[in-house]
Amino acid sequence: MEFKIARDELTKALYRAQGIVERKTTMPILSNVLLEASRESGLVISAFDTEIGLQSRTRCEILKDGSLALPGRYCYDIVKALPDPFVHVKRTPNGQVELVSGNARFKIVSTPAKDFPPLPSAPGAAFFPFAGDELLLMIERTQFAISTDETRYNLGGVFLEQPEGGSIRMVATDGHRLSMIERKLESPIKLERGIILPKKGLMELRRLLGDDGGPCELALTPGSAVFRREGVLMIIRLLEGVFPDYRQVIPKESSRTLILKRLALLETLRRVSLIAQDKASGVKLEVGDGCLILSSQNPDLGEAQEQIDAKVTGSPLKVGFNARYLIDVLTVLTSEEVQLDLLDDLSPGLLKPVGETGYLAVVMPMRI
């Protein structure tokens, strides 16, 4: 195997693999990336962790076809530090790989390509176009609500389904909060039942979408989700299990509605929660006449209180929430105002952006 390539192109392809290559694994080969050079296909760099497979295809000058595996992190660190804009990569007779860039020369021990496990496949997958910025938005507005409890395996990802009306919906919940977003599709798909995208795969997809713009395609099968864009292919194995009926926790009614400035509420929550340094970050919300009073107490630190203006419909109410849960929602929104619907001190709160449809968040109350 031998090829010449722009350093930045090689660095970019190796960077994409960094979140997937396993650093601590019982299978050492999974800490490697697979390099396949072909005059017909160019250079293909693959990474695989048994759950996520990624291929980056790059055009370069192929001098000799071949394939091998190299340590993913080690190779990336070397390539990004090379001094010259171009890199000459060549496999030596003793099985090492030589990288030459300017006056710098490195030799890296390689592993035979046959030892690298085959990437998952999705035969017959039907791709449909999807706006990359829309998909990125949907991930960002749900990923923070994914459960980190390993015993609740079916909550360790985002539930994706196709409701009626030619749209696609993402839902995440950890049992204490829920985030749901729905977007219309230009091209209809046929998804007979919902699927669960695992958190790690979702985070890697988010990283790819944030790395570069441009059109992309998505395919959904009973066992995997496939993301495709020019030069990049990612296959994510889906989580098995049944996602709970999230509709049951979405409030159907409310007796109090508050319209608040999003940034004012966000900044106030951050200040008031400084006193509530425990894990629960409990903050009390007191609905008043044209205002909302936020307060917190800590016997070891003291107390905090702040009042903000609000358009209030309904009678006074005192209710407690985990401030971090509210902050997570307010951080990913962009609207100037948000609407908070409340029923009583034992019922969940419903948070929605004003002037924007298709998104809602549910936060369970807590006793303070």
Protein backbone atom coordinates (compact mmCIF):
# COMPACT_ATOMS: atom_id res chain seq x y z
CA MET A 1 0.00 0.00 0.00
CA GLU A 2 1.29 3.44 -0.93
CA PHE A 3 -0.38 6.81 -1.41
CA LYS A 4 0.16 10.57 -1.23
CA ILE A 5 -2.45 12.76 0.42
CA ALA A 6 -2.99 16.26 1.77
CA ARG A 7 -2.24 16.29 5.51
CA ASP A 8 -5.47 18.15 6.35
CA GLU A 9 -7.60 15.62 4.44
CA LEU A 10 -5.99 12.70 6.25
CA THR A 11 -6.29 14.48 9.59
CA LYS A 12 -9.99 15.15 8.98
CA ALA A 13 -10.71 11.51 8.13
CA LEU A 14 -8.81 10.25 11.19
CA TYR A 15 -10.53 12.81 13.44
CA ARG A 16 -13.95 11.50 12.47
CA ALA A 17 -12.95 8.09 13.80
CA GLN A 18 -11.71 9.27 17.21
CA GLY A 19 -15.05 8.99 18.99
CA ILE A 20 -15.52 5.44 17.75
CA VAL A 21 -12.13 3.75 18.18
CA GLU A 22 -12.05 1.95 21.53
CA ARG A 23 -9.22 2.96 23.87
CA LYS A 24 -9.98 0.41 26.59
CA THR A 25 -11.21 -2.81 25.08
CA THR A 26 -10.78 -6.55 25.34
CA MET A 27 -10.41 -6.52 21.55
CA PRO A 28 -7.21 -4.51 20.80
CA ILE A 29 -8.05 -4.40 17.09
CA LEU A 30 -10.96 -2.05 17.87
CA SER A 31 -8.46 0.65 18.88
CA ASN A 32 -7.29 0.63 15.26
CA VAL A 33 -8.57 2.22 12.09
CA LEU A 34 -8.65 0.32 8.81
CA LEU A 35 -7.01 1.96 5.79
CA GLU A 36 -7.96 0.65 2.34
CA ALA A 37 -6.24 2.23 -0.66
CA SER A 38 -7.53 1.57 -4.17
CA ARG A 39 -6.96 3.36 -7.46
CA GLU A 40 -10.64 2.78 -8.20
CA SER A 41 -12.16 3.95 -4.88
CA GLY A 42 -9.48 6.19 -3.39
CA LEU A 43 -8.65 5.95 0.31
CA VAL A 44 -11.27 4.56 2.70
CA ILE A 45 -10.67 4.88 6.47
CA SER A 46 -12.96 2.82 8.71
CA ALA A 47 -13.57 2.62 12.46
CA PHE A 48 -15.77 0.15 14.34
CA ASP A 49 -16.62 -0.49 18.00
CA THR A 50 -19.10 -3.38 17.42
CA GLU A 51 -22.02 -0.91 17.68
CA ILE A 52 -21.05 1.96 15.35
CA GLY A 53 -19.29 1.69 12.02
CA LEU A 54 -17.84 4.71 10.20
CA GLN A 55 -16.28 4.99 6.77
CA SER A 56 -14.60 8.12 5.38
CA ARG A 57 -13.76 8.13 1.69
CA THR A 58 -11.03 10.50 0.48
CA ARG A 59 -9.61 11.07 -2.95
CA CYS A 60 -5.82 11.03 -3.13
CA GLU A 61 -2.93 9.82 -5.30
CA ILE A 62 -2.87 6.04 -4.95
CA LEU A 63 0.49 4.60 -5.95
CA LYS A 64 -0.15 1.04 -4.80
CA ASP A 65 -3.35 -0.70 -3.73
CA GLY A 66 -3.50 -2.33 -0.32
CA SER A 67 -5.08 -2.37 3.12
CA LEU A 68 -3.98 -2.52 6.76
CA ALA A 69 -4.93 -1.33 10.25
CA LEU A 70 -3.16 1.33 12.34
CA PRO A 71 -3.61 2.54 15.95
CA GLY A 72 -6.36 5.15 15.64
CA ARG A 73 -5.42 7.71 18.29
CA TYR A 74 -1.68 7.37 17.80
CA CYS A 75 -1.95 7.80 14.05
CA TYR A 76 -4.22 10.85 14.38
CA ASP A 77 -1.86 12.60 16.83
CA ILE A 78 1.09 12.05 14.49
CA VAL A 79 -0.63 13.16 11.28
CA LYS A 80 -2.06 16.39 12.71
CA ALA A 81 1.43 17.35 13.96
CA LEU A 82 3.26 16.76 10.66
CA PRO A 83 5.09 19.84 9.31
CA ASP A 84 4.36 19.68 5.56
CA PRO A 85 0.95 20.11 3.85
CA PHE A 86 1.37 16.72 2.18
CA VAL A 87 2.03 13.22 3.49
CA HIS A 88 3.55 10.20 1.76
CA VAL A 89 2.28 6.96 3.30
CA LYS A 90 3.94 3.65 2.42
CA ARG A 91 3.89 0.12 3.81
CA THR A 92 7.43 -1.24 4.28
CA PRO A 93 8.48 -4.88 3.70
CA ASN A 94 8.64 -5.54 7.47
CA GLY A 95 4.95 -4.66 7.95
CA GLN A 96 5.43 -1.15 9.30
CA VAL A 97 3.89 1.97 7.76
CA GLU A 98 6.15 4.89 6.95
CA LEU A 99 4.79 8.43 7.03
CA VAL A 100 6.97 11.11 5.44
CA SER A 101 6.10 14.81 5.56
CA GLY A 102 8.80 17.37 4.85
CA ASN A 103 11.79 16.44 6.99
CA ALA A 104 9.67 14.37 9.40
CA ARG A 105 9.60 10.59 9.13
CA PHE A 106 7.56 8.20 11.27
CA LYS A 107 7.27 4.42 11.23
CA ILE A 108 4.15 2.85 12.78
CA VAL A 109 3.54 -0.82 13.47
CA SER A 110 0.54 -2.03 11.48
CA THR A 111 -1.93 -4.91 11.84
CA PRO A 112 -3.16 -7.08 8.93
CA ALA A 113 -6.47 -5.89 7.49
CA LYS A 114 -7.93 -9.40 7.80
CA ASP A 115 -7.90 -9.02 11.61
CA PHE A 116 -10.24 -6.01 11.45
CA PRO A 117 -13.87 -7.06 12.07
CA PRO A 118 -16.37 -6.47 9.24
CA LEU A 119 -18.56 -3.39 9.63
CA PRO A 120 -22.32 -3.86 10.06
CA SER A 121 -24.38 -3.64 6.91
CA ALA A 122 -27.91 -2.60 6.05
CA PRO A 123 -28.82 -4.40 2.83
CA GLY A 124 -31.80 -3.00 1.00
CA ALA A 125 -31.90 0.19 3.09
CA ALA A 126 -34.02 2.89 1.44
CA PHE A 127 -32.43 6.32 1.84
CA PHE A 128 -34.36 9.55 2.07
CA PRO A 129 -32.95 13.10 2.01
CA PHE A 130 -32.77 14.97 5.30
CA ALA A 131 -31.60 18.50 6.01
CA GLY A 132 -28.45 18.20 8.11
CA ASP A 133 -29.21 21.28 10.20
CA GLU A 134 -32.70 19.93 11.01
CA LEU A 135 -31.33 16.56 12.11
CA LEU A 136 -28.68 18.31 14.22
CA LEU A 137 -31.35 20.44 15.88
CA MET A 138 -33.47 17.39 16.70
CA ILE A 139 -30.49 15.65 18.32
CA GLU A 140 -29.48 18.71 20.35
CA ARG A 141 -33.00 19.18 21.69
CA THR A 142 -33.37 15.61 22.91
CA GLN A 143 -29.96 14.17 23.80
CA PHE A 144 -29.73 15.85 27.23
CA ALA A 145 -32.80 13.90 28.45
CA ILE A 146 -31.35 10.46 27.62
CA SER A 147 -31.07 8.25 30.70
CA THR A 148 -27.60 7.49 32.10
CA ASP A 149 -28.95 4.61 34.21
CA GLU A 150 -27.44 1.45 32.70
CA THR A 151 -30.17 -0.70 34.28
CA ARG A 152 -32.78 1.11 32.17
CA TYR A 153 -31.36 -0.06 28.87
CA ASN A 154 -34.36 0.93 26.77
CA LEU A 155 -34.02 4.58 27.89
CA GLY A 156 -30.35 4.80 26.88
CA GLY A 157 -31.10 6.43 23.57
CA VAL A 158 -33.55 8.54 21.58
CA PHE A 159 -36.81 7.04 20.38
CA LEU A 160 -37.52 7.85 16.74
CA GLU A 161 -40.90 7.25 15.16
CA GLN A 162 -43.05 8.42 12.29
CA PRO A 163 -46.39 9.79 13.43
CA GLU A 164 -49.15 10.54 10.98
CA GLY A 165 -48.86 13.56 8.74
CA GLY A 166 -45.51 13.00 7.03
CA SER A 167 -43.26 13.99 9.91
CA ILE A 168 -40.60 12.39 12.07
CA ARG A 169 -40.44 12.57 15.88
CA MET A 170 -37.62 12.14 18.40
CA VAL A 171 -38.27 11.54 22.10
CA ALA A 172 -35.88 11.09 25.03
CA THR A 173 -36.64 10.57 28.71
CA ASP A 174 -34.82 9.49 31.85
CA GLY A 175 -37.96 9.09 33.96
CA HIS A 176 -37.61 12.55 35.53
CA ARG A 177 -37.96 14.62 32.37
CA LEU A 178 -38.90 14.25 28.74
CA SER A 179 -37.93 16.11 25.58
CA MET A 180 -39.81 15.72 22.29
CA ILE A 181 -39.35 17.32 18.90
CA GLU A 182 -41.18 16.78 15.63
CA ARG A 183 -40.29 17.97 12.15
CA LYS A 184 -41.99 17.70 8.77
CA LEU A 185 -40.27 15.69 6.05
CA GLU A 186 -39.97 16.78 2.44
CA SER A 187 -39.82 13.17 1.31
CA PRO A 188 -42.06 10.67 3.13
CA ILE A 189 -40.57 7.51 4.63
CA LYS A 190 -42.16 4.28 5.76
CA LEU A 191 -41.24 3.41 9.33
CA GLU A 192 -43.66 0.77 10.56
CA ARG A 193 -42.58 0.98 14.20
CA GLY A 194 -40.41 3.21 16.34
CA ILE A 195 -36.68 2.58 16.82
CA ILE A 196 -34.21 3.51 19.58
CA LEU A 197 -30.96 5.20 18.54
CA PRO A 198 -28.22 4.61 21.17
CA LYS A 199 -26.66 7.64 22.85
CA LYS A 200 -23.11 7.04 21.65
CA GLY A 201 -24.20 6.66 18.04
CA LEU A 202 -26.32 9.77 18.35
CA MET A 203 -23.38 11.77 19.74
CA GLU A 204 -21.12 10.64 16.91
CA LEU A 205 -23.78 11.56 14.37
CA ARG A 206 -24.11 14.96 16.04
CA ARG A 207 -20.35 15.44 15.75
CA LEU A 208 -20.44 14.62 12.05
CA LEU A 209 -23.33 16.98 11.39
CA GLY A 210 -21.61 19.80 13.27
CA ASP A 211 -18.33 19.17 11.48
CA ASP A 212 -19.53 19.95 7.98
CA GLY A 213 -22.71 21.09 6.30
CA GLY A 214 -24.28 19.89 3.11
CA PRO A 215 -27.11 17.54 2.19
CA CYS A 216 -27.35 14.16 3.83
CA GLU A 217 -29.43 11.00 3.62
CA LEU A 218 -30.83 8.73 6.28
CA ALA A 219 -32.00 5.11 6.08
CA LEU A 220 -33.84 3.29 8.86
CA THR A 221 -34.07 -0.48 9.09
CA PRO A 222 -35.32 -2.80 11.86
CA GLY A 223 -31.73 -3.35 13.04
CA SER A 224 -29.79 -0.21 12.19
CA ALA A 225 -29.78 3.41 11.16
CA VAL A 226 -27.55 4.52 8.29
CA PHE A 227 -26.33 8.08 7.75
CA ARG A 228 -24.79 8.98 4.41
CA ARG A 229 -23.21 12.14 3.09
CA GLU A 230 -20.61 12.75 0.40
CA GLY A 231 -17.51 10.90 1.51
CA VAL A 232 -18.98 9.63 4.81
CA LEU A 233 -21.07 6.60 5.78
CA MET A 234 -22.10 5.76 9.36
CA ILE A 235 -24.04 2.67 10.44
CA ILE A 236 -25.49 2.56 13.96
CA ARG A 237 -26.88 -0.61 15.50
CA LEU A 238 -30.17 0.12 17.24
CA LEU A 239 -30.99 -0.59 20.86
CA GLU A 240 -33.28 -3.52 21.46
CA GLY A 241 -36.20 -3.22 23.83
CA VAL A 242 -39.49 -1.38 24.08
CA PHE A 243 -39.58 2.37 24.65
CA PRO A 244 -42.22 3.32 27.26
CA ASP A 245 -45.46 5.02 26.29
CA TYR A 246 -44.22 8.58 26.68
CA ARG A 247 -47.62 10.08 25.84
CA GLN A 248 -48.89 9.17 29.30
CA VAL A 249 -46.59 11.68 31.02
CA ILE A 250 -47.34 14.64 28.75
CA PRO A 251 -49.83 16.86 30.64
CA LYS A 252 -53.21 17.12 28.95
CA GLU A 253 -54.43 20.09 30.98
CA SER A 254 -53.14 22.97 33.07
CA SER A 255 -54.66 25.52 35.44
CA ARG A 256 -51.83 28.05 35.24
CA THR A 257 -49.91 29.36 32.23
CA LEU A 258 -46.83 31.58 32.42
CA ILE A 259 -45.17 33.43 29.54
CA LEU A 260 -41.59 34.31 30.46
CA LYS A 261 -38.52 35.79 28.82
CA ARG A 262 -36.33 32.78 28.11
CA LEU A 263 -32.95 34.37 28.86
CA ALA A 264 -34.23 36.07 32.02
CA LEU A 265 -35.56 32.75 33.33
CA LEU A 266 -32.38 30.92 32.34
CA GLU A 267 -30.03 33.39 34.01
CA THR A 268 -32.19 33.56 37.16
CA LEU A 269 -32.25 29.79 37.47
CA ARG A 270 -28.47 29.67 37.16
CA ARG A 271 -28.02 32.26 39.91
CA VAL A 272 -30.60 30.88 42.33
CA SER A 273 -29.38 27.29 41.91
CA LEU A 274 -25.89 28.29 43.05
CA ILE A 275 -27.15 27.92 46.60
CA ALA A 276 -28.72 24.53 45.87
CA GLN A 277 -25.40 22.74 45.43
CA ASP A 278 -26.74 19.27 46.14
CA LYS A 279 -27.36 16.68 43.42
CA ALA A 280 -31.05 17.48 43.12
CA SER A 281 -30.51 21.25 42.59
CA GLY A 282 -33.99 21.94 43.96
CA VAL A 283 -35.49 25.37 43.23
CA LYS A 284 -38.93 26.57 44.35
CA LEU A 285 -41.10 28.44 41.86
CA GLU A 286 -43.82 30.67 43.30
CA VAL A 287 -46.39 31.92 40.82
CA GLY A 288 -47.56 35.39 41.79
CA ASP A 289 -49.55 38.22 40.23
CA GLY A 290 -47.61 39.16 37.11
CA CYS A 291 -44.39 37.62 38.38
CA LEU A 292 -42.52 34.43 39.17
CA ILE A 293 -40.42 34.18 42.33
CA LEU A 294 -37.58 31.67 42.31
CA SER A 295 -35.87 30.63 45.54
CA SER A 296 -33.57 27.97 46.98
CA GLN A 297 -32.27 27.08 50.42
CA ASN A 298 -29.27 25.20 51.72
CA PRO A 299 -28.72 24.78 55.48
CA ASP A 300 -24.94 24.80 54.96
CA LEU A 301 -24.80 27.79 52.58
CA GLY A 302 -27.85 30.00 53.03
CA GLU A 303 -30.67 31.01 50.71
CA ALA A 304 -31.35 32.85 47.46
CA GLN A 305 -34.41 34.51 45.96
CA GLU A 306 -35.11 36.44 42.77
CA GLN A 307 -38.24 37.72 41.06
CA ILE A 308 -38.85 38.03 37.32
CA ASP A 309 -41.76 39.41 35.33
CA ALA A 310 -44.26 36.98 33.84
CA LYS A 311 -47.58 37.00 32.05
CA VAL A 312 -49.65 34.83 34.37
CA THR A 313 -52.97 33.16 33.73
CA GLY A 314 -54.43 31.33 36.74
CA SER A 315 -54.17 31.37 40.51
CA PRO A 316 -50.99 31.43 42.70
CA LEU A 317 -48.99 28.23 43.11
CA LYS A 318 -45.79 26.99 44.75
CA VAL A 319 -43.96 24.10 43.09
CA GLY A 320 -40.44 22.70 43.17
CA PHE A 321 -38.27 21.59 40.24
CA ASN A 322 -34.75 20.40 39.61
CA ALA A 323 -33.14 23.58 38.26
CA ARG A 324 -30.73 21.67 36.06
CA TYR A 325 -33.58 20.04 34.16
CA LEU A 326 -35.13 23.42 33.37
CA ILE A 327 -31.75 24.92 32.49
CA ASP A 328 -31.03 22.11 30.00
CA VAL A 329 -34.25 22.86 28.13
CA LEU A 330 -33.85 26.64 28.13
CA THR A 331 -30.26 26.35 26.89
CA VAL A 332 -31.16 24.50 23.67
CA LEU A 333 -34.08 26.78 22.80
CA THR A 334 -33.68 29.97 20.77
CA SER A 335 -37.08 31.64 21.16
CA GLU A 336 -37.36 34.97 22.94
CA GLU A 337 -40.15 33.71 25.20
CA VAL A 338 -41.19 30.37 26.67
CA GLN A 339 -44.50 29.08 27.97
CA LEU A 340 -44.69 27.14 31.23
CA ASP A 341 -47.92 25.26 31.94
CA LEU A 342 -48.65 24.04 35.48
CA LEU A 343 -51.55 22.14 37.03
CA ASP A 344 -50.61 21.75 40.70
CA ASP A 345 -47.57 21.11 42.90
CA LEU A 346 -47.68 17.35 42.26
CA SER A 347 -48.05 17.41 38.47
CA PRO A 348 -45.30 17.80 35.86
CA GLY A 349 -44.58 21.13 34.23
CA LEU A 350 -44.84 21.56 30.47
CA LEU A 351 -42.34 23.89 28.80
CA LYS A 352 -42.66 25.09 25.18
CA PRO A 353 -41.06 27.84 23.06
CA VAL A 354 -43.41 30.68 22.17
CA GLY A 355 -43.80 31.18 18.43
CA GLU A 356 -42.41 27.78 17.51
CA THR A 357 -44.29 24.53 17.02
CA GLY A 358 -43.09 20.95 17.20
CA TYR A 359 -41.20 20.98 20.50
CA LEU A 360 -42.09 20.42 24.14
CA ALA A 361 -40.36 19.38 27.35
CA VAL A 362 -41.88 17.80 30.45
CA VAL A 363 -40.24 18.12 33.88
CA MET A 364 -41.43 16.19 36.92
CA PRO A 365 -41.90 18.22 40.15
CA MET A 366 -39.99 17.63 43.37
CA ARG A 367 -40.77 18.31 47.01
CA ILE A 368 -38.70 21.13 48.53
